[in-house]
Protein backbone atom coordinates (compact mmCIF):
# COMPACT_ATOMS: atom_id res chain seq x y z
CA MET A 1 -4.03 -0.85 106.62
CA THR A 2 -0.80 -2.29 108.39
CA LYS A 3 -0.74 -2.37 112.16
CA LEU A 4 1.96 -2.06 114.10
CA LEU A 5 2.60 -2.28 117.81
CA LEU A 6 5.21 -0.09 119.82
CA ILE A 7 6.51 -2.03 122.58
CA ASP A 8 8.65 1.08 124.77
CA ASP A 9 8.27 2.03 127.95
CA ASP A 10 9.85 5.53 127.32
CA LYS A 11 6.79 7.49 126.53
CA GLU A 12 7.37 10.30 124.58
CA LEU A 13 10.09 8.93 122.02
CA SER A 14 6.99 6.02 121.82
CA SER A 15 4.98 9.15 121.79
CA MET A 16 6.98 10.66 118.73
CA LEU A 17 7.75 7.58 116.74
CA GLY A 18 3.73 6.52 116.86
CA GLU A 19 2.74 9.68 115.06
CA TYR A 20 5.49 9.71 112.31
CA LEU A 21 4.37 6.70 111.28
CA ALA A 22 0.92 7.03 111.62
CA ALA A 23 1.32 10.20 109.37
CA GLU A 24 2.80 7.44 106.50
CA GLY A 25 -0.10 5.13 106.86
CA PHE A 26 0.46 2.67 109.48
CA VAL A 27 -2.19 1.56 112.74
CA ILE A 28 -0.59 2.28 115.49
CA ASP A 29 -0.41 0.56 119.43
CA HIS A 30 1.37 0.97 122.26
CA ALA A 31 2.81 -1.11 125.24
CA TYR A 32 4.87 0.66 127.75
CA ASN A 33 6.44 -2.61 129.63
CA GLY A 34 7.26 -5.82 128.75
CA ARG A 35 4.17 -7.71 130.08
CA GLU A 36 1.71 -6.20 128.42
CA GLY A 37 3.80 -6.37 124.94
CA VAL A 38 3.60 -9.86 125.11
CA ASP A 39 0.14 -9.50 126.15
CA LYS A 40 -1.14 -6.98 123.47
CA ALA A 41 1.39 -9.07 121.17
CA LEU A 42 -0.37 -12.68 121.32
CA SER A 43 -4.06 -11.73 121.53
CA ASN A 44 -4.17 -9.33 118.43
CA GLN A 45 -3.09 -9.27 114.79
CA TYR A 46 -0.30 -6.97 114.48
CA ASP A 47 1.56 -6.59 110.70
CA ALA A 48 5.31 -6.12 112.89
CA LEU A 49 6.66 -5.05 116.24
CA ILE A 50 9.43 -2.30 117.26
CA LEU A 51 10.73 -3.97 120.64
CA ASP A 52 12.80 -1.79 122.68
CA VAL A 53 15.57 -4.20 124.32
CA MET A 54 16.30 -2.08 127.60
CA MET A 55 12.66 -1.93 129.72
CA PRO A 56 12.20 -2.80 133.41
CA GLU A 57 10.85 -5.62 135.05
CA LEU A 58 10.79 -8.14 131.59
CA ASP A 59 13.26 -6.82 128.95
CA GLY A 60 13.22 -7.01 125.54
CA PHE A 61 14.78 -9.81 125.33
CA GLU A 62 12.25 -11.99 127.23
CA VAL A 63 9.61 -10.50 125.26
CA LEU A 64 10.69 -11.50 122.51
CA ARG A 65 11.39 -15.18 123.86
CA ARG A 66 7.79 -15.43 124.80
CA ILE A 67 6.27 -14.13 121.87
CA ARG A 68 8.25 -16.70 119.55
CA THR A 69 6.60 -19.78 120.95
CA GLU A 70 3.59 -18.81 120.13
CA SER A 71 3.91 -16.21 117.02
CA ALA A 72 6.07 -15.53 114.05
CA VAL A 73 5.47 -11.90 113.33
CA PRO A 74 8.21 -9.95 112.15
CA VAL A 75 9.87 -7.73 114.94
CA ILE A 76 12.19 -4.93 114.51
CA MET A 77 14.44 -4.34 118.04
CA LEU A 78 15.75 -1.11 118.99
CA THR A 79 19.20 -2.18 120.69
CA ALA A 80 22.08 0.12 122.81
CA LYS A 81 24.10 1.86 120.25
CA GLY A 82 27.76 0.03 120.05
CA ASP A 83 26.07 -2.72 121.40
CA ASP A 84 27.10 -5.83 119.32
CA VAL A 85 26.38 -8.26 122.41
CA ASP A 86 22.28 -6.45 122.19
CA ARG A 87 22.27 -7.23 118.63
CA ILE A 88 23.43 -10.96 118.72
CA VAL A 89 21.37 -12.16 121.15
CA GLY A 90 18.01 -10.44 119.84
CA LEU A 91 18.84 -11.85 116.20
CA GLU A 92 19.49 -15.60 117.91
CA ILE A 93 16.35 -15.41 119.80
CA GLY A 94 14.52 -14.32 116.42
CA ALA A 95 14.17 -10.75 115.98
CA ASP A 96 14.07 -9.89 112.33
CA ASP A 97 16.12 -7.16 112.47
CA TYR A 98 17.54 -4.32 114.46
CA LEU A 99 18.41 -0.86 114.69
CA PRO A 100 20.83 1.05 117.03
CA LYS A 101 19.47 4.11 119.29
CA PRO A 102 19.22 6.70 118.74
CA PHE A 103 18.33 6.54 114.94
CA ASN A 104 16.65 8.13 112.20
CA PRO A 105 12.91 7.50 111.98
CA ARG A 106 13.45 7.19 107.93
CA GLU A 107 15.55 4.55 108.39
CA LEU A 108 13.03 2.58 110.77
CA LEU A 109 10.25 3.41 108.57
CA ALA A 110 12.72 1.92 105.56
CA ARG A 111 13.39 -1.32 107.26
CA LEU A 112 10.10 -1.63 108.78
CA ARG A 113 8.83 -1.59 105.02
CA ALA A 114 11.61 -3.85 103.37
CA ILE A 115 10.53 -6.60 106.29
CA LEU A 116 6.70 -5.87 105.73
CA ARG A 117 7.14 -6.25 101.56
CA ARG A 118 9.02 -9.65 102.11
CA ALA A 119 6.40 -10.88 104.88
CA GLN A 120 3.75 -9.81 102.62
CA SER A 121 4.89 -9.83 98.76
CA VAL A 122 2.10 -11.15 96.84
CA GLN A 123 2.98 -14.24 95.02
CA GLN A 124 2.51 -14.93 91.06
CA PRO A 125 0.57 -17.76 90.26
CA GLN A 126 3.80 -19.79 88.73
CA GLN A 127 5.41 -19.08 92.34
CA ASP A 128 2.39 -21.08 94.42
CA GLN A 129 3.68 -24.90 93.76
CA THR A 130 5.46 -26.44 96.44
CA LEU A 131 9.11 -26.37 96.09
CA ALA A 132 10.89 -29.67 97.36
CA ILE A 133 14.36 -30.37 98.32
CA GLY A 134 15.14 -33.90 99.36
CA SER A 135 12.79 -34.18 102.64
CA LEU A 136 12.16 -30.00 102.52
CA GLU A 137 9.05 -28.96 100.67
CA ILE A 138 8.26 -25.00 101.14
CA ALA A 139 5.20 -23.16 99.82
CA PRO A 140 5.59 -19.65 98.97
CA ALA A 141 2.07 -18.78 98.71
CA SER A 142 1.23 -19.97 101.96
CA ARG A 143 4.90 -19.38 103.29
CA SER A 144 4.94 -22.51 105.15
CA ALA A 145 8.03 -25.45 105.23
CA LEU A 146 7.55 -29.09 106.17
CA VAL A 147 10.44 -31.75 106.46
CA SER A 148 9.20 -35.30 106.11
CA GLY A 149 5.80 -33.63 106.53
CA ASN A 150 6.24 -31.98 109.59
CA PRO A 151 5.72 -28.42 110.11
CA LEU A 152 8.88 -26.10 110.02
CA ASP A 153 8.70 -23.44 112.89
CA LEU A 154 10.29 -20.18 111.17
CA THR A 155 9.94 -16.73 111.38
CA SER A 156 9.10 -14.37 108.82
CA THR A 157 12.91 -13.87 107.92
CA GLU A 158 14.05 -17.25 108.31
CA PHE A 159 11.44 -18.16 106.02
CA ASN A 160 12.18 -15.46 103.37
CA LEU A 161 15.96 -16.82 103.68
CA LEU A 162 15.05 -20.51 103.09
CA HIS A 163 13.33 -19.61 100.28
CA VAL A 164 15.82 -17.79 98.60
CA LEU A 165 18.44 -20.73 99.48
CA VAL A 166 15.91 -23.46 98.10
CA LYS A 167 14.97 -21.64 94.56
CA GLN A 168 18.66 -21.49 93.76
CA ALA A 169 19.61 -24.90 95.29
CA GLY A 170 23.29 -26.36 94.95
CA GLN A 171 24.24 -22.90 93.83
CA ILE A 172 26.36 -20.88 95.98
CA VAL A 173 24.34 -17.36 97.20
CA SER A 174 26.23 -14.50 98.70
CA LYS A 175 25.13 -12.99 101.57
CA GLU A 176 24.89 -9.91 99.31
CA ASN A 177 22.20 -11.55 97.83
CA LEU A 178 20.52 -12.84 100.91
CA SER A 179 20.44 -9.49 102.78
CA GLU A 180 18.95 -8.19 99.84
CA HIS A 181 16.12 -10.91 99.02
CA GLY A 182 15.68 -12.00 102.20
CA LEU A 183 15.49 -8.93 104.52
CA GLY A 184 14.69 -6.71 101.68
CA ARG A 185 18.28 -4.49 102.28
CA SER A 186 21.30 -3.68 101.56
CA LEU A 187 23.85 -5.71 103.36
CA GLU A 188 26.08 -3.04 105.39
CA LYS A 189 29.61 -3.31 106.34
CA TYR A 190 30.27 -5.58 110.09
CA ASP A 191 26.88 -6.71 109.51
CA ARG A 192 26.06 -10.15 111.01
CA SER A 193 22.24 -10.78 109.87
CA ILE A 194 22.61 -13.16 107.93
CA ASP A 195 25.10 -15.29 109.53
CA MET A 196 23.04 -15.11 112.82
CA HIS A 197 19.40 -16.48 111.00
CA MET A 198 21.47 -18.53 108.98
CA SER A 199 22.34 -19.98 112.72
CA ASN A 200 18.90 -20.16 113.45
CA LEU A 201 18.09 -21.80 110.31
CA ARG A 202 20.79 -24.98 110.77
CA LYS A 203 19.54 -25.18 114.54
CA LYS A 204 16.22 -25.69 113.51
CA LEU A 205 16.67 -27.64 110.85
CA ALA A 206 19.29 -29.74 112.60
CA GLN A 207 16.32 -30.84 114.87
CA LYS A 208 14.50 -32.51 111.89
CA ASP A 209 17.38 -34.01 111.28
CA ILE A 210 18.80 -32.10 108.37
CA GLY A 211 21.20 -29.86 109.94
CA GLU A 212 23.74 -30.29 107.02
CA MET A 213 21.70 -29.12 104.42
CA ILE A 214 23.11 -25.28 104.54
CA ILE A 215 26.71 -25.35 103.53
CA THR A 216 28.74 -22.55 103.94
CA VAL A 217 31.34 -20.98 101.59
CA ARG A 218 34.06 -19.04 103.24
CA GLY A 219 34.33 -15.80 101.85
CA GLN A 220 31.47 -16.33 99.27
CA GLY A 221 28.04 -16.88 101.40
CA TYR A 222 25.67 -20.08 101.40
CA GLN A 223 24.86 -23.28 99.76
CA LEU A 224 21.72 -24.93 100.10
CA SER A 225 22.59 -28.91 99.73
CA ASP A 226 20.51 -29.95 96.86
CA GLY A 227 21.58 -33.77 97.67
CA ALA A 228 20.67 -33.40 101.43
CA GLY A 229 17.69 -35.27 102.47
CA THR A 230 17.28 -38.00 100.13
């Protein structure tokens, strides 16, 4: 059974959403404030988190920061409608996706399933082998990445996107392709999710001295240099 944690101080909305998702086959747990959310997220095994931004005492951003110090569990953030800053900040911190309130529960369900599908996809035998580009190695079966033998700490979505780039190293990969295969959904108009995830990936690669591996091809997409790190 797929287990979800809903972190939202709006108990009525959380209850309604929990009932809807439970009817779709998910096991639901609730946290009604940020501190409780962090404690539960880090002390239990969840397949994904749904996290509201606007909460008293400990807001969703701080909750996500604390969770990301120890866990790469997929996270969908619920942001204020039309507030691009909230979305950008959430993605910078490590959210996998976002949805503005108010939202259609069916859209949340679709995005949730897309993220879970990417995070839990069963790898085929031929995909189990390690893929290496210069000093970068990724193992699709274990969803792990190494740089010069040292672990690269990635969120689920960051790993998905890096996997897509590694498989097409040296080729330009469009944002549409990255969204379909990395986020599990079609690219939306004015959606900056891919750009923010790529920015996060670059920062993490830069910490390993290979930050120039990901090249932006203006107007076309992104490219992983097949000669970097050699």
